[in-house]
Amino acid sequence: MALAGVPEDPVTGSLNAGLAVWLISAGLAKPNYVASQGTALKRKGRVFIDGVGNDIWVGGHTAICIERTVSI
């Protein structure tokens, strides 16, 4: 648990995107796969990876906890 009392996000899309680039280009993963993360936190999460051409798409289900807008 974080110091602010908010549980850590169990899945990181940006990390999985970077890993996907490496895994797919090295031939260690197929262009489309599912990654599991957060098991040690007892907050399982799944990330769906889709490699399309030179693009990596990361998707999954989310839970919105806070929603705000910012005016610039």
N, C-alpha and C. Protein backbone atom coordinates (compact mmCIF):
# COMPACT_ATOMS: atom_id res chain seq x y z
N MET A 1 0.84 -1.18 0.00
CA MET A 1 0.00 0.00 0.00
C MET A 1 0.89 1.24 0.00
N ALA A 2 0.51 2.20 -0.78
CA ALA A 2 1.28 3.44 -0.89
C ALA A 2 1.15 4.27 0.38
N LEU A 3 2.07 5.20 0.57
CA LEU A 3 2.06 6.05 1.76
C LEU A 3 0.79 6.88 1.87
N ALA A 4 0.17 7.23 0.74
CA ALA A 4 -1.05 8.04 0.76
C ALA A 4 -2.28 7.20 1.08
N GLY A 5 -2.10 5.90 1.30
CA GLY A 5 -3.23 5.05 1.62
C GLY A 5 -3.98 4.55 0.40
N VAL A 6 -3.43 4.80 -0.77
CA VAL A 6 -4.06 4.35 -2.01
C VAL A 6 -3.29 3.12 -2.49
N PRO A 7 -3.99 2.01 -2.74
CA PRO A 7 -3.27 0.81 -3.19
C PRO A 7 -2.53 1.05 -4.51
N GLU A 8 -1.39 0.39 -4.66
CA GLU A 8 -0.61 0.50 -5.88
C GLU A 8 -1.38 -0.05 -7.06
N ASP A 9 -1.23 0.57 -8.22
CA ASP A 9 -1.84 0.08 -9.44
C ASP A 9 -1.22 -1.28 -9.76
N PRO A 10 -2.01 -2.34 -9.88
CA PRO A 10 -1.42 -3.66 -10.07
C PRO A 10 -0.89 -3.92 -11.48
N VAL A 11 -1.26 -3.10 -12.47
CA VAL A 11 -0.84 -3.33 -13.85
C VAL A 11 -0.33 -2.02 -14.43
N THR A 12 0.79 -2.09 -15.13
CA THR A 12 1.39 -0.91 -15.74
C THR A 12 1.42 -1.08 -17.25
N GLY A 13 0.58 -0.33 -17.96
CA GLY A 13 0.49 -0.42 -19.42
C GLY A 13 1.77 -0.01 -20.11
N SER A 14 2.41 1.05 -19.64
CA SER A 14 3.63 1.52 -20.30
C SER A 14 4.76 0.50 -20.17
N LEU A 15 4.88 -0.15 -19.03
CA LEU A 15 5.88 -1.20 -18.87
C LEU A 15 5.60 -2.35 -19.83
N ASN A 16 4.35 -2.77 -19.91
CA ASN A 16 4.00 -3.87 -20.78
C ASN A 16 4.17 -3.52 -22.25
N ALA A 17 3.98 -2.27 -22.62
CA ALA A 17 4.22 -1.86 -24.01
C ALA A 17 5.70 -1.98 -24.35
N GLY A 18 6.56 -1.52 -23.48
CA GLY A 18 8.01 -1.63 -23.69
C GLY A 18 8.47 -3.07 -23.75
N LEU A 19 7.96 -3.89 -22.85
CA LEU A 19 8.30 -5.31 -22.87
C LEU A 19 7.83 -5.97 -24.16
N ALA A 20 6.64 -5.59 -24.62
CA ALA A 20 6.08 -6.18 -25.84
C ALA A 20 6.98 -5.89 -27.04
N VAL A 21 7.48 -4.67 -27.14
CA VAL A 21 8.38 -4.33 -28.25
C VAL A 21 9.57 -5.27 -28.25
N TRP A 22 10.17 -5.46 -27.08
CA TRP A 22 11.34 -6.32 -26.97
C TRP A 22 10.98 -7.79 -27.21
N LEU A 23 9.95 -8.30 -26.53
CA LEU A 23 9.59 -9.71 -26.63
C LEU A 23 9.20 -10.12 -28.06
N ILE A 24 8.39 -9.27 -28.70
CA ILE A 24 7.94 -9.59 -30.06
C ILE A 24 9.10 -9.50 -31.06
N SER A 25 9.90 -8.42 -30.97
CA SER A 25 11.01 -8.26 -31.92
C SER A 25 12.08 -9.34 -31.75
N ALA A 26 12.23 -9.87 -30.53
CA ALA A 26 13.22 -10.93 -30.27
C ALA A 26 12.66 -12.32 -30.59
N GLY A 27 11.39 -12.37 -30.98
CA GLY A 27 10.77 -13.66 -31.28
C GLY A 27 10.42 -14.47 -30.06
N LEU A 28 10.37 -13.81 -28.89
CA LEU A 28 10.06 -14.51 -27.64
C LEU A 28 8.57 -14.52 -27.32
N ALA A 29 7.79 -13.76 -28.07
CA ALA A 29 6.33 -13.73 -27.88
C ALA A 29 5.66 -13.54 -29.23
N LYS A 30 4.45 -14.04 -29.33
CA LYS A 30 3.65 -13.82 -30.53
C LYS A 30 3.18 -12.37 -30.53
N PRO A 31 2.77 -11.85 -31.70
CA PRO A 31 2.31 -10.45 -31.76
C PRO A 31 1.08 -10.15 -30.90
N ASN A 32 0.32 -11.17 -30.56
CA ASN A 32 -0.88 -10.97 -29.72
C ASN A 32 -0.79 -11.93 -28.54
N TYR A 33 -0.79 -11.37 -27.34
CA TYR A 33 -0.75 -12.21 -26.14
C TYR A 33 -1.37 -11.48 -24.96
N VAL A 34 -1.57 -12.22 -23.88
CA VAL A 34 -2.12 -11.67 -22.64
C VAL A 34 -1.05 -11.78 -21.57
N ALA A 35 -0.79 -10.68 -20.86
CA ALA A 35 0.17 -10.66 -19.76
C ALA A 35 -0.58 -10.52 -18.44
N SER A 36 -0.10 -11.20 -17.44
CA SER A 36 -0.69 -11.13 -16.10
C SER A 36 0.28 -10.40 -15.18
N GLN A 37 -0.26 -9.51 -14.36
CA GLN A 37 0.59 -8.73 -13.45
C GLN A 37 -0.21 -8.45 -12.19
N GLY A 38 0.46 -8.26 -11.07
CA GLY A 38 -0.20 -7.89 -9.82
C GLY A 38 -0.51 -9.04 -8.90
N THR A 39 -0.10 -10.25 -9.26
CA THR A 39 -0.42 -11.42 -8.45
C THR A 39 0.16 -11.31 -7.04
N ALA A 40 1.39 -10.82 -6.91
CA ALA A 40 2.03 -10.70 -5.59
C ALA A 40 1.28 -9.72 -4.68
N LEU A 41 0.58 -8.75 -5.29
CA LEU A 41 -0.20 -7.78 -4.51
C LEU A 41 -1.59 -8.29 -4.19
N LYS A 42 -1.89 -9.51 -4.65
CA LYS A 42 -3.22 -10.10 -4.52
C LYS A 42 -4.28 -9.23 -5.21
N ARG A 43 -3.85 -8.59 -6.32
CA ARG A 43 -4.74 -7.75 -7.13
C ARG A 43 -4.44 -8.06 -8.59
N LYS A 44 -4.83 -9.25 -9.00
CA LYS A 44 -4.51 -9.72 -10.34
C LYS A 44 -5.04 -8.78 -11.42
N GLY A 45 -4.24 -8.58 -12.43
CA GLY A 45 -4.64 -7.78 -13.57
C GLY A 45 -4.15 -8.44 -14.85
N ARG A 46 -4.84 -8.18 -15.92
CA ARG A 46 -4.46 -8.72 -17.22
C ARG A 46 -4.34 -7.58 -18.22
N VAL A 47 -3.33 -7.68 -19.07
CA VAL A 47 -3.10 -6.70 -20.13
C VAL A 47 -3.12 -7.47 -21.45
N PHE A 48 -3.85 -6.94 -22.40
CA PHE A 48 -3.96 -7.56 -23.72
C PHE A 48 -3.04 -6.81 -24.67
N ILE A 49 -2.09 -7.52 -25.25
CA ILE A 49 -1.10 -6.93 -26.15
C ILE A 49 -1.44 -7.33 -27.58
N ASP A 50 -1.49 -6.34 -28.47
CA ASP A 50 -1.71 -6.58 -29.89
C ASP A 50 -0.63 -5.85 -30.67
N GLY A 51 0.21 -6.61 -31.36
CA GLY A 51 1.21 -6.03 -32.24
C GLY A 51 0.63 -5.95 -33.65
N VAL A 52 0.50 -4.73 -34.17
CA VAL A 52 -0.06 -4.51 -35.50
C VAL A 52 0.98 -3.72 -36.30
N GLY A 53 1.65 -4.40 -37.23
CA GLY A 53 2.72 -3.73 -37.97
C GLY A 53 3.81 -3.30 -37.01
N ASN A 54 4.16 -2.01 -37.03
CA ASN A 54 5.15 -1.47 -36.09
C ASN A 54 4.54 -0.93 -34.82
N ASP A 55 3.22 -1.06 -34.67
CA ASP A 55 2.52 -0.51 -33.50
C ASP A 55 2.25 -1.59 -32.46
N ILE A 56 2.30 -1.19 -31.20
CA ILE A 56 1.93 -2.06 -30.08
C ILE A 56 0.72 -1.42 -29.41
N TRP A 57 -0.36 -2.18 -29.32
CA TRP A 57 -1.56 -1.72 -28.65
C TRP A 57 -1.70 -2.46 -27.33
N VAL A 58 -1.95 -1.72 -26.26
CA VAL A 58 -2.12 -2.29 -24.93
C VAL A 58 -3.54 -2.00 -24.48
N GLY A 59 -4.25 -3.02 -24.06
CA GLY A 59 -5.63 -2.83 -23.62
C GLY A 59 -5.93 -3.67 -22.40
N GLY A 60 -7.09 -3.45 -21.85
CA GLY A 60 -7.53 -4.21 -20.68
C GLY A 60 -8.74 -3.54 -20.06
N HIS A 61 -9.14 -4.06 -18.94
CA HIS A 61 -10.27 -3.51 -18.20
C HIS A 61 -9.75 -2.56 -17.12
N THR A 62 -10.50 -1.53 -16.84
CA THR A 62 -10.08 -0.55 -15.83
C THR A 62 -11.16 -0.31 -14.80
N ALA A 63 -10.77 0.27 -13.71
CA ALA A 63 -11.69 0.73 -12.67
C ALA A 63 -11.35 2.19 -12.41
N ILE A 64 -12.25 3.08 -12.76
CA ILE A 64 -12.01 4.52 -12.53
C ILE A 64 -12.30 4.82 -11.07
N CYS A 65 -11.28 5.31 -10.37
CA CYS A 65 -11.42 5.63 -8.94
C CYS A 65 -11.60 7.12 -8.71
N ILE A 66 -10.96 7.94 -9.54
CA ILE A 66 -11.04 9.40 -9.42
C ILE A 66 -11.15 9.96 -10.83
N GLU A 67 -12.01 10.92 -11.01
CA GLU A 67 -12.13 11.55 -12.31
C GLU A 67 -12.16 13.07 -12.12
N ARG A 68 -11.33 13.77 -12.85
CA ARG A 68 -11.23 15.23 -12.78
C ARG A 68 -10.97 15.79 -14.16
N THR A 69 -11.13 17.09 -14.29
CA THR A 69 -10.75 17.77 -15.53
C THR A 69 -9.76 18.88 -15.19
N VAL A 70 -8.93 19.20 -16.16
CA VAL A 70 -7.95 20.26 -15.99
C VAL A 70 -8.14 21.26 -17.11
N SER A 71 -8.25 22.53 -16.75
CA SER A 71 -8.35 23.58 -17.77
C SER A 71 -6.97 24.23 -17.93
N ILE A 72 -6.54 24.32 -19.17
CA ILE A 72 -5.22 24.91 -19.43
C ILE A 72 -5.40 26.21 -20.17
